[in-house]
Amino acid sequence: MFLPPAESFLVGILAALMARTFIEDPPYIKQQRPGRIDSIGFGVMAVALGTLQLVLDKGQEEDWFSSSLITWAAIFAGVTFVIFIVWELTVKEPIVNLRVLANRNFAVGTALMTVMGIVLYGTIALLPLFLQTLMGYPAVQSGLAVSPRGFGSIASMIIVGRLVNKIDGRYLIMFGFAVLGFSTYLFSDINLQISSSSIVIPGIISGFAMGFVFVPLTTMAMGTLPNEQMGNASGVFNLMRNIGGSLGIATVTTLLARGAQAHQAAMVSHLTPYDPAFQQRVQALTGTLSTQAGSAAASQQVYGAIYGTLVRQASVLSYIDIFRLLSFLCLLCIPAALLFKRPKGKVSVPMH
């Protein structure tokens, strides 16, 4: 499953050769003549996206807008995005034709794909973090626990490929988001004593749901566009998924840290001499440890151990809150799928 660098390089070369041999551009792309490169639009877009990524990557580390760096970077990113939008809407040959968003299906599909990126990347970021920091899994075992998601995706891709021309794509998307919301909610049933099956099973269900979202969502979004706009639309579509992913990772890491602090502040109020359960626990642990380390040292160890347990429990509660929030976000996407217009005639499944 995990290949050394040399073998990975050979696999990449083989994939590139197979892509060159077996994959062809459709006629409407082959017949297009290369136009002039919008170098100004490209430069402004690169600066805007790079600055946005800096804000999202360093925001939590720098305490967001308490930092002058993050504040000015966010302002700069916003200004450059406005400049980019205005430029792309006025230049004759834009590098990104934003007018494609005037198409209702594509606009709705892009919005839902952005949300999908938030949920997908947010979950992928949280699970290994939980397994490694709280459950003590090594990196390889953590990767093995989350990797079965791919088996669910493969199974659903096979099924949805046969259903996409037989069932209204809107219903497939609604089903996919419903199952994704359910599987994400299952992740909230975690604690510090769970087995790996509590991660593997919801992961497989989550992967199964993704096939019912990605394929019909792409089909519905692209199905009403003319062929000559497909290439540009595909770029915008995938870009917004990645931006959604960056937003999702930044959001969940911030909510995780601040949620853990909030839960810790609420729970620590019970660690007082006036709480009978706390005092009973302290006395029991002190009696056990005092025979080995003496009463003074045992008392310090007991308070340290109890506080460590409190911090871990507060972190678990924060994970639970985030998984439930992501689940609720999936459920909000279910009625949004009804905003699509159904493409006329038989549609093909776009491959990316």
Protein backbone atom coordinates (compact mmCIF):
# COMPACT_ATOMS: atom_id res chain seq x y z
CA MET A 1 0.00 0.00 0.00
CA PHE A 2 2.88 2.37 0.81
CA LEU A 3 5.50 2.42 -1.95
CA PRO A 4 9.11 3.60 -1.65
CA PRO A 5 10.04 6.71 -3.70
CA ALA A 6 11.62 4.72 -6.57
CA GLU A 7 8.57 2.48 -7.03
CA SER A 8 6.25 5.49 -6.72
CA PHE A 9 8.20 7.25 -9.47
CA LEU A 10 7.85 4.20 -11.76
CA VAL A 11 4.12 4.03 -11.10
CA GLY A 12 3.81 7.72 -11.99
CA ILE A 13 5.74 7.22 -15.25
CA LEU A 14 3.53 4.24 -16.14
CA ALA A 15 0.39 6.27 -15.43
CA ALA A 16 1.64 9.12 -17.63
CA LEU A 17 2.39 6.74 -20.52
CA MET A 18 -1.01 5.07 -20.23
CA ALA A 19 -2.76 8.44 -20.14
CA ARG A 20 -0.93 9.54 -23.28
CA THR A 21 -1.75 6.26 -25.04
CA PHE A 22 -5.39 5.71 -24.12
CA ILE A 23 -6.87 9.15 -23.31
CA GLU A 24 -7.84 11.50 -26.12
CA ASP A 25 -9.34 14.97 -26.16
CA PRO A 26 -12.88 15.18 -27.55
CA PRO A 27 -13.26 16.72 -31.05
CA TYR A 28 -14.48 20.10 -29.78
CA ILE A 29 -11.21 20.52 -27.85
CA LYS A 30 -8.98 19.23 -30.65
CA GLN A 31 -10.51 21.73 -33.08
CA GLN A 32 -9.93 24.72 -30.81
CA ARG A 33 -7.14 27.06 -31.77
CA PRO A 34 -4.85 28.24 -28.96
CA GLY A 35 -5.60 31.82 -27.98
CA ARG A 36 -3.57 34.54 -26.35
CA ILE A 37 -2.58 33.87 -22.74
CA ASP A 38 -4.12 36.27 -20.26
CA SER A 39 -0.88 36.85 -18.38
CA ILE A 40 -2.25 39.68 -16.22
CA GLY A 41 -5.27 37.63 -15.14
CA PHE A 42 -3.02 34.64 -14.43
CA GLY A 43 -0.67 36.74 -12.32
CA VAL A 44 -3.45 38.38 -10.30
CA MET A 45 -5.13 35.00 -9.75
CA ALA A 46 -1.87 33.42 -8.56
CA VAL A 47 -1.24 36.25 -6.10
CA ALA A 48 -4.83 36.18 -4.81
CA LEU A 49 -4.90 32.41 -4.30
CA GLY A 50 -1.43 32.36 -2.76
CA THR A 51 -2.33 35.08 -0.28
CA LEU A 52 -5.62 33.35 0.58
CA GLN A 53 -3.75 30.11 1.22
CA LEU A 54 -1.33 31.97 3.50
CA VAL A 55 -4.28 33.32 5.51
CA LEU A 56 -5.90 29.89 5.80
CA ASP A 57 -2.67 28.05 6.67
CA LYS A 58 -1.34 30.54 9.23
CA GLY A 59 -4.63 31.92 10.58
CA GLN A 60 -5.06 29.65 13.59
CA GLU A 61 -1.34 29.66 14.34
CA GLU A 62 -1.31 33.49 14.41
CA ASP A 63 -4.69 33.79 16.20
CA TRP A 64 -6.39 35.03 13.05
CA PHE A 65 -7.20 38.73 12.98
CA SER A 66 -5.37 39.41 16.22
CA SER A 67 -2.30 39.24 13.98
CA SER A 68 -1.49 42.20 11.74
CA LEU A 69 0.04 39.78 9.21
CA ILE A 70 -3.21 37.83 8.81
CA THR A 71 -5.31 41.00 8.79
CA TRP A 72 -3.31 42.70 6.03
CA ALA A 73 -2.98 39.44 4.08
CA ALA A 74 -6.77 38.96 4.19
CA ILE A 75 -7.35 42.53 3.02
CA PHE A 76 -4.81 42.11 0.24
CA ALA A 77 -6.38 38.80 -0.84
CA GLY A 78 -9.84 40.39 -0.93
CA VAL A 79 -8.66 43.34 -3.01
CA THR A 80 -6.79 41.15 -5.48
CA PHE A 81 -9.81 38.86 -5.88
CA VAL A 82 -11.98 41.88 -6.71
CA ILE A 83 -9.38 43.06 -9.24
CA PHE A 84 -9.24 39.56 -10.72
CA ILE A 85 -13.03 39.33 -11.09
CA VAL A 86 -13.29 42.76 -12.71
CA TRP A 87 -10.41 42.01 -15.07
CA GLU A 88 -11.73 38.61 -16.12
CA LEU A 89 -15.17 40.06 -16.85
CA THR A 90 -13.79 42.84 -19.05
CA VAL A 91 -10.84 41.30 -20.90
CA LYS A 92 -11.50 39.81 -24.33
CA GLU A 93 -9.79 36.45 -23.76
CA PRO A 94 -9.84 35.74 -19.98
CA ILE A 95 -7.82 32.92 -18.52
CA VAL A 96 -10.91 32.03 -16.47
CA ASN A 97 -14.24 32.82 -18.08
CA LEU A 98 -16.34 33.72 -15.04
CA ARG A 99 -19.40 34.28 -17.20
CA VAL A 100 -19.92 30.54 -17.10
CA LEU A 101 -21.27 31.05 -13.57
CA ALA A 102 -24.31 32.74 -15.12
CA ASN A 103 -25.47 29.23 -15.97
CA ARG A 104 -27.81 28.20 -13.16
CA ASN A 105 -26.85 24.54 -13.05
CA PHE A 106 -23.15 25.29 -13.06
CA ALA A 107 -23.48 27.93 -10.33
CA VAL A 108 -25.47 25.57 -8.09
CA GLY A 109 -23.10 22.69 -8.81
CA THR A 110 -20.05 24.81 -8.04
CA ALA A 111 -21.54 25.94 -4.73
CA LEU A 112 -22.36 22.36 -3.72
CA MET A 113 -18.91 21.17 -4.79
CA THR A 114 -17.36 23.84 -2.58
CA VAL A 115 -19.38 22.55 0.38
CA MET A 116 -18.38 19.03 -0.57
CA GLY A 117 -14.74 20.09 -0.43
CA ILE A 118 -15.26 21.54 3.05
CA VAL A 119 -16.82 18.32 4.36
CA LEU A 120 -14.44 15.95 2.57
CA TYR A 121 -11.15 17.66 3.41
CA GLY A 122 -12.35 18.65 6.87
CA THR A 123 -13.10 15.02 7.73
CA ILE A 124 -9.86 13.78 6.18
CA ALA A 125 -7.91 16.29 8.28
CA LEU A 126 -9.68 15.43 11.55
CA LEU A 127 -9.58 11.63 11.54
CA PRO A 128 -5.80 11.04 11.42
CA LEU A 129 -5.34 13.86 13.94
CA PHE A 130 -7.76 12.19 16.35
CA LEU A 131 -6.24 8.75 15.89
CA GLN A 132 -2.65 9.87 16.33
CA THR A 133 -2.95 12.52 19.07
CA LEU A 134 -5.67 11.01 21.27
CA MET A 135 -5.71 7.31 20.46
CA GLY A 136 -1.94 6.92 20.11
CA TYR A 137 -2.03 5.30 16.66
CA PRO A 138 1.22 5.41 14.68
CA ALA A 139 1.05 7.15 11.31
CA VAL A 140 0.87 3.93 9.28
CA GLN A 141 -1.93 2.43 11.38
CA SER A 142 -3.80 5.73 11.24
CA GLY A 143 -3.56 5.71 7.45
CA LEU A 144 -4.78 2.11 7.31
CA ALA A 145 -7.81 3.00 9.44
CA VAL A 146 -9.00 5.75 7.09
CA SER A 147 -7.99 4.18 3.76
CA PRO A 148 -11.01 1.79 3.38
CA ARG A 149 -13.03 4.86 2.36
CA GLY A 150 -11.71 4.15 -1.14
CA PHE A 151 -13.46 0.78 -1.30
CA GLY A 152 -16.80 2.48 -0.72
CA SER A 153 -16.02 4.99 -3.47
CA ILE A 154 -15.13 2.27 -5.99
CA ALA A 155 -18.37 0.39 -5.29
CA SER A 156 -20.54 3.50 -5.61
CA MET A 157 -18.82 4.66 -8.80
CA ILE A 158 -19.75 1.36 -10.46
CA ILE A 159 -23.35 1.64 -9.31
CA VAL A 160 -23.92 5.31 -10.03
CA GLY A 161 -22.42 5.02 -13.51
CA ARG A 162 -25.33 2.71 -14.38
CA LEU A 163 -27.95 4.86 -12.67
CA VAL A 164 -26.99 8.33 -13.86
CA ASN A 165 -29.00 8.04 -17.10
CA LYS A 166 -31.92 6.20 -15.47
CA ILE A 167 -32.61 8.24 -12.34
CA ASP A 168 -32.89 12.00 -12.02
CA GLY A 169 -29.46 13.25 -11.00
CA ARG A 170 -30.98 15.52 -8.39
CA TYR A 171 -32.28 12.51 -6.46
CA LEU A 172 -28.89 10.81 -6.67
CA ILE A 173 -27.23 13.93 -5.25
CA MET A 174 -29.82 14.16 -2.47
CA PHE A 175 -29.26 10.50 -1.61
CA GLY A 176 -25.49 10.99 -1.65
CA PHE A 177 -25.56 13.99 0.69
CA ALA A 178 -28.02 12.19 3.01
CA VAL A 179 -25.71 9.17 3.30
CA LEU A 180 -22.66 11.43 3.66
CA GLY A 181 -24.40 13.31 6.48
CA PHE A 182 -25.28 10.03 8.17
CA SER A 183 -21.73 8.67 7.90
CA THR A 184 -20.25 11.94 9.17
CA TYR A 185 -22.63 11.84 12.13
CA LEU A 186 -21.43 8.30 12.89
CA PHE A 187 -17.95 9.74 13.37
CA SER A 188 -19.34 11.81 16.25
CA ASP A 189 -19.92 8.58 18.22
CA ILE A 190 -16.30 8.52 19.32
CA ASN A 191 -14.58 8.22 22.66
CA LEU A 192 -11.18 7.21 23.97
CA GLN A 193 -12.07 3.50 24.06
CA ILE A 194 -13.27 2.95 20.47
CA SER A 195 -11.84 0.29 18.19
CA SER A 196 -10.65 0.91 14.63
CA SER A 197 -13.99 -0.43 13.30
CA SER A 198 -15.65 2.74 14.62
CA ILE A 199 -13.56 4.64 12.05
CA VAL A 200 -13.44 2.06 9.25
CA ILE A 201 -17.19 1.42 8.91
CA PRO A 202 -18.29 5.07 8.76
CA GLY A 203 -15.35 5.67 6.41
CA ILE A 204 -16.59 3.05 3.96
CA ILE A 205 -20.11 4.48 4.12
CA SER A 206 -18.69 7.97 3.55
CA GLY A 207 -16.75 6.78 0.50
CA PHE A 208 -19.88 5.10 -0.85
CA ALA A 209 -21.78 8.40 -0.48
CA MET A 210 -19.13 10.35 -2.38
CA GLY A 211 -19.74 8.44 -5.59
CA PHE A 212 -23.40 9.43 -5.43
CA VAL A 213 -22.35 13.05 -5.01
CA PHE A 214 -19.36 13.52 -7.31
CA VAL A 215 -20.64 11.83 -10.45
CA PRO A 216 -24.21 13.21 -10.69
CA LEU A 217 -23.09 16.59 -9.33
CA THR A 218 -20.49 16.94 -12.08
CA THR A 219 -22.98 15.70 -14.66
CA MET A 220 -25.71 18.10 -13.59
CA ALA A 221 -23.33 21.05 -13.36
CA MET A 222 -21.83 20.49 -16.82
CA GLY A 223 -24.89 19.06 -18.56
CA THR A 224 -26.36 22.38 -19.71
CA LEU A 225 -23.09 23.98 -20.87
CA PRO A 226 -21.99 24.13 -24.52
CA ASN A 227 -19.01 21.97 -25.39
CA GLU A 228 -16.64 24.89 -25.91
CA GLN A 229 -17.12 25.98 -22.28
CA MET A 230 -16.45 22.56 -20.78
CA GLY A 231 -12.69 22.99 -20.33
CA ASN A 232 -12.97 26.36 -18.62
CA ALA A 233 -15.91 25.21 -16.49
CA SER A 234 -14.03 22.10 -15.37
CA GLY A 235 -11.14 24.24 -14.18
CA VAL A 236 -13.43 26.52 -12.15
CA PHE A 237 -15.30 23.52 -10.76
CA ASN A 238 -12.17 21.77 -9.48
CA LEU A 239 -10.63 25.01 -8.24
CA MET A 240 -13.65 25.70 -6.03
CA ARG A 241 -13.50 22.17 -4.64
CA ASN A 242 -9.88 22.77 -3.62
CA ILE A 243 -10.67 26.19 -2.17
CA GLY A 244 -13.51 24.56 -0.23
CA GLY A 245 -11.02 21.99 1.02
CA SER A 246 -8.65 24.71 2.24
CA LEU A 247 -11.54 26.50 3.95
CA GLY A 248 -12.67 23.24 5.53
CA ILE A 249 -9.24 22.38 6.95
CA ALA A 250 -8.72 25.92 8.29
CA THR A 251 -12.19 25.97 9.82
CA VAL A 252 -12.06 22.58 11.54
CA THR A 253 -8.60 23.16 13.00
CA THR A 254 -9.75 26.49 14.43
CA LEU A 255 -12.99 25.04 15.80
CA LEU A 256 -11.07 22.11 17.26
CA ALA A 257 -8.65 24.28 19.22
CA ARG A 258 -11.25 26.77 20.44
CA GLY A 259 -13.89 24.15 21.11
CA ALA A 260 -11.45 22.18 23.26
CA GLN A 261 -10.69 25.34 25.25
CA ALA A 262 -14.40 26.01 25.77
CA HIS A 263 -15.12 22.46 26.92
CA GLN A 264 -12.07 22.50 29.15
CA ALA A 265 -13.22 25.73 30.82
CA ALA A 266 -16.65 24.20 31.44
CA MET A 267 -15.31 20.91 32.77
CA VAL A 268 -12.60 22.32 35.02
CA SER A 269 -15.27 23.94 37.19
CA HIS A 270 -15.97 20.44 38.56
CA LEU A 271 -12.36 19.91 39.70
CA THR A 272 -12.87 21.56 43.08
CA PRO A 273 -12.63 20.41 46.70
CA TYR A 274 -16.41 20.79 46.87
CA ASP A 275 -17.12 18.17 44.20
CA PRO A 276 -17.61 14.76 45.91
CA ALA A 277 -16.84 12.71 42.79
CA PHE A 278 -13.60 14.61 42.22
CA GLN A 279 -12.48 14.23 45.82
CA GLN A 280 -13.31 10.53 45.80
CA ARG A 281 -11.23 10.06 42.65
CA VAL A 282 -8.29 12.01 44.09
CA GLN A 283 -8.30 9.99 47.30
CA ALA A 284 -8.46 6.68 45.45
CA LEU A 285 -5.56 7.54 43.15
CA THR A 286 -3.50 9.08 45.94
CA GLY A 287 -3.87 5.95 48.04
CA THR A 288 -2.67 3.83 45.12
CA LEU A 289 0.35 5.98 44.23
CA SER A 290 1.47 7.00 47.74
CA THR A 291 2.93 3.53 48.40
CA GLN A 292 5.29 4.03 45.43
CA ALA A 293 6.13 7.75 45.39
CA GLY A 294 5.20 9.14 48.81
CA SER A 295 2.18 11.23 49.67
CA ALA A 296 3.47 14.63 48.40
CA ALA A 297 4.69 13.34 45.04
CA ALA A 298 1.61 11.15 44.69
CA SER A 299 -0.66 14.14 45.15
CA GLN A 300 1.09 16.05 42.36
CA GLN A 301 0.95 13.04 40.04
CA VAL A 302 -2.75 12.53 40.74
CA TYR A 303 -3.67 16.12 39.92
CA GLY A 304 -1.52 16.00 36.78
CA ALA A 305 -3.15 12.76 35.62
CA ILE A 306 -6.67 14.05 36.25
CA TYR A 307 -5.95 17.28 34.40
CA GLY A 308 -4.48 15.32 31.48
CA THR A 309 -7.64 13.22 31.32
CA LEU A 310 -9.76 16.38 31.38
CA VAL A 311 -7.81 17.88 28.46
CA ARG A 312 -8.24 14.71 26.41
CA GLN A 313 -11.96 14.52 27.17
CA ALA A 314 -12.37 18.20 26.22
CA SER A 315 -10.64 17.49 22.90
CA VAL A 316 -12.94 14.52 22.24
CA LEU A 317 -16.00 16.69 22.84
CA SER A 318 -14.63 19.26 20.40
CA TYR A 319 -14.18 16.55 17.73
CA ILE A 320 -17.77 15.43 18.32
CA ASP A 321 -19.07 18.98 17.88
CA ILE A 322 -17.24 19.40 14.57
CA PHE A 323 -18.39 16.09 13.11
CA ARG A 324 -21.98 16.98 13.98
CA LEU A 325 -21.56 20.40 12.38
CA LEU A 326 -20.20 18.84 9.17
CA SER A 327 -23.10 16.38 9.20
CA PHE A 328 -25.59 19.25 9.48
CA LEU A 329 -23.83 21.01 6.58
CA CYS A 330 -24.41 17.91 4.43
CA LEU A 331 -28.10 17.90 5.31
CA LEU A 332 -28.40 21.54 4.20
CA CYS A 333 -27.20 20.49 0.73
CA ILE A 334 -30.08 18.02 0.26
CA PRO A 335 -32.81 20.56 -0.59
CA ALA A 336 -30.27 22.68 -2.52
CA ALA A 337 -30.05 19.88 -5.11
CA LEU A 338 -33.61 20.71 -6.18
CA LEU A 339 -32.31 24.00 -7.63
CA PHE A 340 -30.84 22.10 -10.57
CA LYS A 341 -32.57 22.00 -13.93
CA ARG A 342 -32.51 18.50 -15.34
CA PRO A 343 -30.39 18.34 -18.54
CA LYS A 344 -32.35 17.32 -21.61
CA GLY A 345 -31.50 14.06 -23.31
CA LYS A 346 -28.92 11.48 -22.35
CA VAL A 347 -25.95 12.77 -20.42
CA SER A 348 -22.43 11.44 -20.23
CA VAL A 349 -20.41 11.11 -17.08
CA PRO A 350 -17.54 13.65 -17.21
CA MET A 351 -14.19 12.19 -16.31
CA HIS A 352 -11.62 14.26 -14.40
